[in-house]
């Protein structure tokens, strides 16, 4: 069983939705830091 099953059993609504853009799987501190760095780089590129 996983947390989605638990949410459904507790009566919460669970639905799928389409994502666009970039996805980063945040499993640990290192991946969070990498995502933050990527977001900063993207902002700097877009701001010129």
N, C-alpha and C. Protein backbone atom coordinates (compact mmCIF):
# COMPACT_ATOMS: atom_id res chain seq x y z
N UNK A 1 0.83 -1.19 0.00
CA UNK A 1 0.00 0.00 0.00
C UNK A 1 0.88 1.26 0.00
N UNK A 2 0.35 2.34 -0.51
CA UNK A 2 1.11 3.58 -0.53
C UNK A 2 0.25 4.75 -0.06
N UNK A 3 0.83 5.91 -0.04
CA UNK A 3 0.12 7.06 0.52
C UNK A 3 -1.11 7.44 -0.29
N UNK A 4 -1.13 7.18 -1.60
CA UNK A 4 -2.31 7.49 -2.40
C UNK A 4 -3.48 6.60 -1.98
N UNK A 5 -3.19 5.31 -1.78
CA UNK A 5 -4.23 4.41 -1.27
C UNK A 5 -4.77 4.89 0.07
N UNK A 6 -3.87 5.33 0.93
CA UNK A 6 -4.29 5.84 2.25
C UNK A 6 -5.20 7.06 2.11
N UNK A 7 -4.85 7.97 1.21
CA UNK A 7 -5.68 9.16 1.00
C UNK A 7 -7.08 8.78 0.53
N UNK A 8 -7.15 7.84 -0.42
CA UNK A 8 -8.45 7.42 -0.93
C UNK A 8 -9.27 6.77 0.18
N UNK A 9 -8.66 5.90 0.94
CA UNK A 9 -9.36 5.22 2.03
C UNK A 9 -9.86 6.21 3.09
N UNK A 10 -9.14 7.30 3.27
CA UNK A 10 -9.54 8.33 4.24
C UNK A 10 -10.61 9.27 3.68
N UNK A 11 -10.99 9.08 2.41
CA UNK A 11 -12.05 9.87 1.82
C UNK A 11 -11.60 11.09 1.05
N UNK A 12 -10.30 11.26 0.86
CA UNK A 12 -9.80 12.40 0.09
C UNK A 12 -10.01 12.17 -1.40
N UNK A 13 -10.15 13.23 -2.14
CA UNK A 13 -10.23 13.14 -3.60
C UNK A 13 -8.83 13.05 -4.17
N UNK A 14 -8.65 12.12 -5.08
CA UNK A 14 -7.36 11.95 -5.74
C UNK A 14 -7.62 11.93 -7.24
N UNK A 15 -6.89 12.74 -7.99
CA UNK A 15 -7.11 12.82 -9.43
C UNK A 15 -5.77 13.01 -10.14
N UNK A 16 -5.77 12.69 -11.41
CA UNK A 16 -4.58 12.89 -12.25
C UNK A 16 -4.73 14.21 -13.00
N UNK A 17 -3.62 14.81 -13.36
CA UNK A 17 -3.66 16.00 -14.19
C UNK A 17 -2.40 16.03 -15.03
N UNK A 18 -2.52 16.66 -16.19
CA UNK A 18 -1.41 16.74 -17.13
C UNK A 18 -0.45 17.83 -16.72
N UNK A 19 0.83 17.51 -16.77
CA UNK A 19 1.88 18.49 -16.47
C UNK A 19 2.58 18.90 -17.75
N UNK A 20 3.04 20.12 -17.78
CA UNK A 20 3.87 20.56 -18.90
C UNK A 20 5.10 21.23 -18.32
N UNK A 21 6.13 21.35 -19.10
CA UNK A 21 7.36 21.97 -18.61
C UNK A 21 8.34 20.92 -18.13
N UNK A 22 9.12 21.28 -17.14
CA UNK A 22 10.17 20.39 -16.63
C UNK A 22 9.74 19.79 -15.30
N UNK A 23 10.12 18.54 -15.11
CA UNK A 23 9.79 17.82 -13.88
C UNK A 23 11.07 17.40 -13.19
N UNK A 24 11.13 17.59 -11.90
CA UNK A 24 12.28 17.14 -11.11
C UNK A 24 11.75 16.30 -9.96
N UNK A 25 12.23 15.08 -9.84
CA UNK A 25 11.82 14.20 -8.77
C UNK A 25 12.64 14.55 -7.52
N UNK A 26 11.98 15.00 -6.47
CA UNK A 26 12.67 15.43 -5.26
C UNK A 26 12.64 14.31 -4.23
N UNK A 27 13.70 13.51 -4.24
CA UNK A 27 13.78 12.38 -3.32
C UNK A 27 14.69 12.63 -2.14
N UNK A 28 15.54 13.62 -2.25
CA UNK A 28 16.51 13.85 -1.19
C UNK A 28 16.99 15.30 -1.26
N UNK A 29 17.84 15.67 -0.32
CA UNK A 29 18.32 17.04 -0.24
C UNK A 29 19.12 17.41 -1.50
N UNK A 30 19.91 16.49 -2.00
CA UNK A 30 20.72 16.79 -3.18
C UNK A 30 19.85 17.11 -4.39
N UNK A 31 18.75 16.36 -4.58
CA UNK A 31 17.87 16.64 -5.71
C UNK A 31 17.11 17.96 -5.52
N UNK A 32 16.78 18.29 -4.29
CA UNK A 32 16.15 19.59 -4.00
C UNK A 32 17.10 20.72 -4.34
N UNK A 33 18.36 20.59 -3.93
CA UNK A 33 19.35 21.63 -4.23
C UNK A 33 19.58 21.75 -5.72
N UNK A 34 19.61 20.63 -6.44
CA UNK A 34 19.78 20.67 -7.89
C UNK A 34 18.60 21.38 -8.55
N UNK A 35 17.39 21.13 -8.06
CA UNK A 35 16.21 21.80 -8.61
C UNK A 35 16.25 23.29 -8.35
N UNK A 36 16.68 23.68 -7.15
CA UNK A 36 16.80 25.10 -6.83
C UNK A 36 17.83 25.77 -7.74
N UNK A 37 18.97 25.12 -7.95
CA UNK A 37 20.00 25.67 -8.84
C UNK A 37 19.46 25.83 -10.27
N UNK A 38 18.73 24.81 -10.75
CA UNK A 38 18.17 24.87 -12.10
C UNK A 38 17.16 26.01 -12.21
N UNK A 39 16.34 26.21 -11.18
CA UNK A 39 15.36 27.31 -11.21
C UNK A 39 16.06 28.66 -11.23
N UNK A 40 17.12 28.81 -10.46
CA UNK A 40 17.87 30.07 -10.45
C UNK A 40 18.50 30.32 -11.81
N UNK A 41 19.12 29.29 -12.39
CA UNK A 41 19.73 29.44 -13.72
C UNK A 41 18.70 29.85 -14.75
N UNK A 42 17.53 29.21 -14.72
CA UNK A 42 16.48 29.53 -15.69
C UNK A 42 16.01 30.97 -15.53
N UNK A 43 15.85 31.43 -14.28
CA UNK A 43 15.43 32.81 -14.05
C UNK A 43 16.47 33.78 -14.58
N UNK A 44 17.75 33.49 -14.33
CA UNK A 44 18.81 34.37 -14.80
C UNK A 44 18.84 34.41 -16.33
N UNK A 45 18.63 33.27 -16.98
CA UNK A 45 18.61 33.22 -18.45
C UNK A 45 17.44 34.04 -19.00
N UNK A 46 16.29 33.95 -18.35
CA UNK A 46 15.09 34.66 -18.84
C UNK A 46 15.14 36.15 -18.54
N UNK A 47 15.84 36.54 -17.49
CA UNK A 47 15.92 37.96 -17.12
C UNK A 47 17.00 38.69 -17.90
N UNK A 48 17.82 37.94 -18.61
CA UNK A 48 18.83 38.56 -19.47
C UNK A 48 20.05 38.91 -18.74
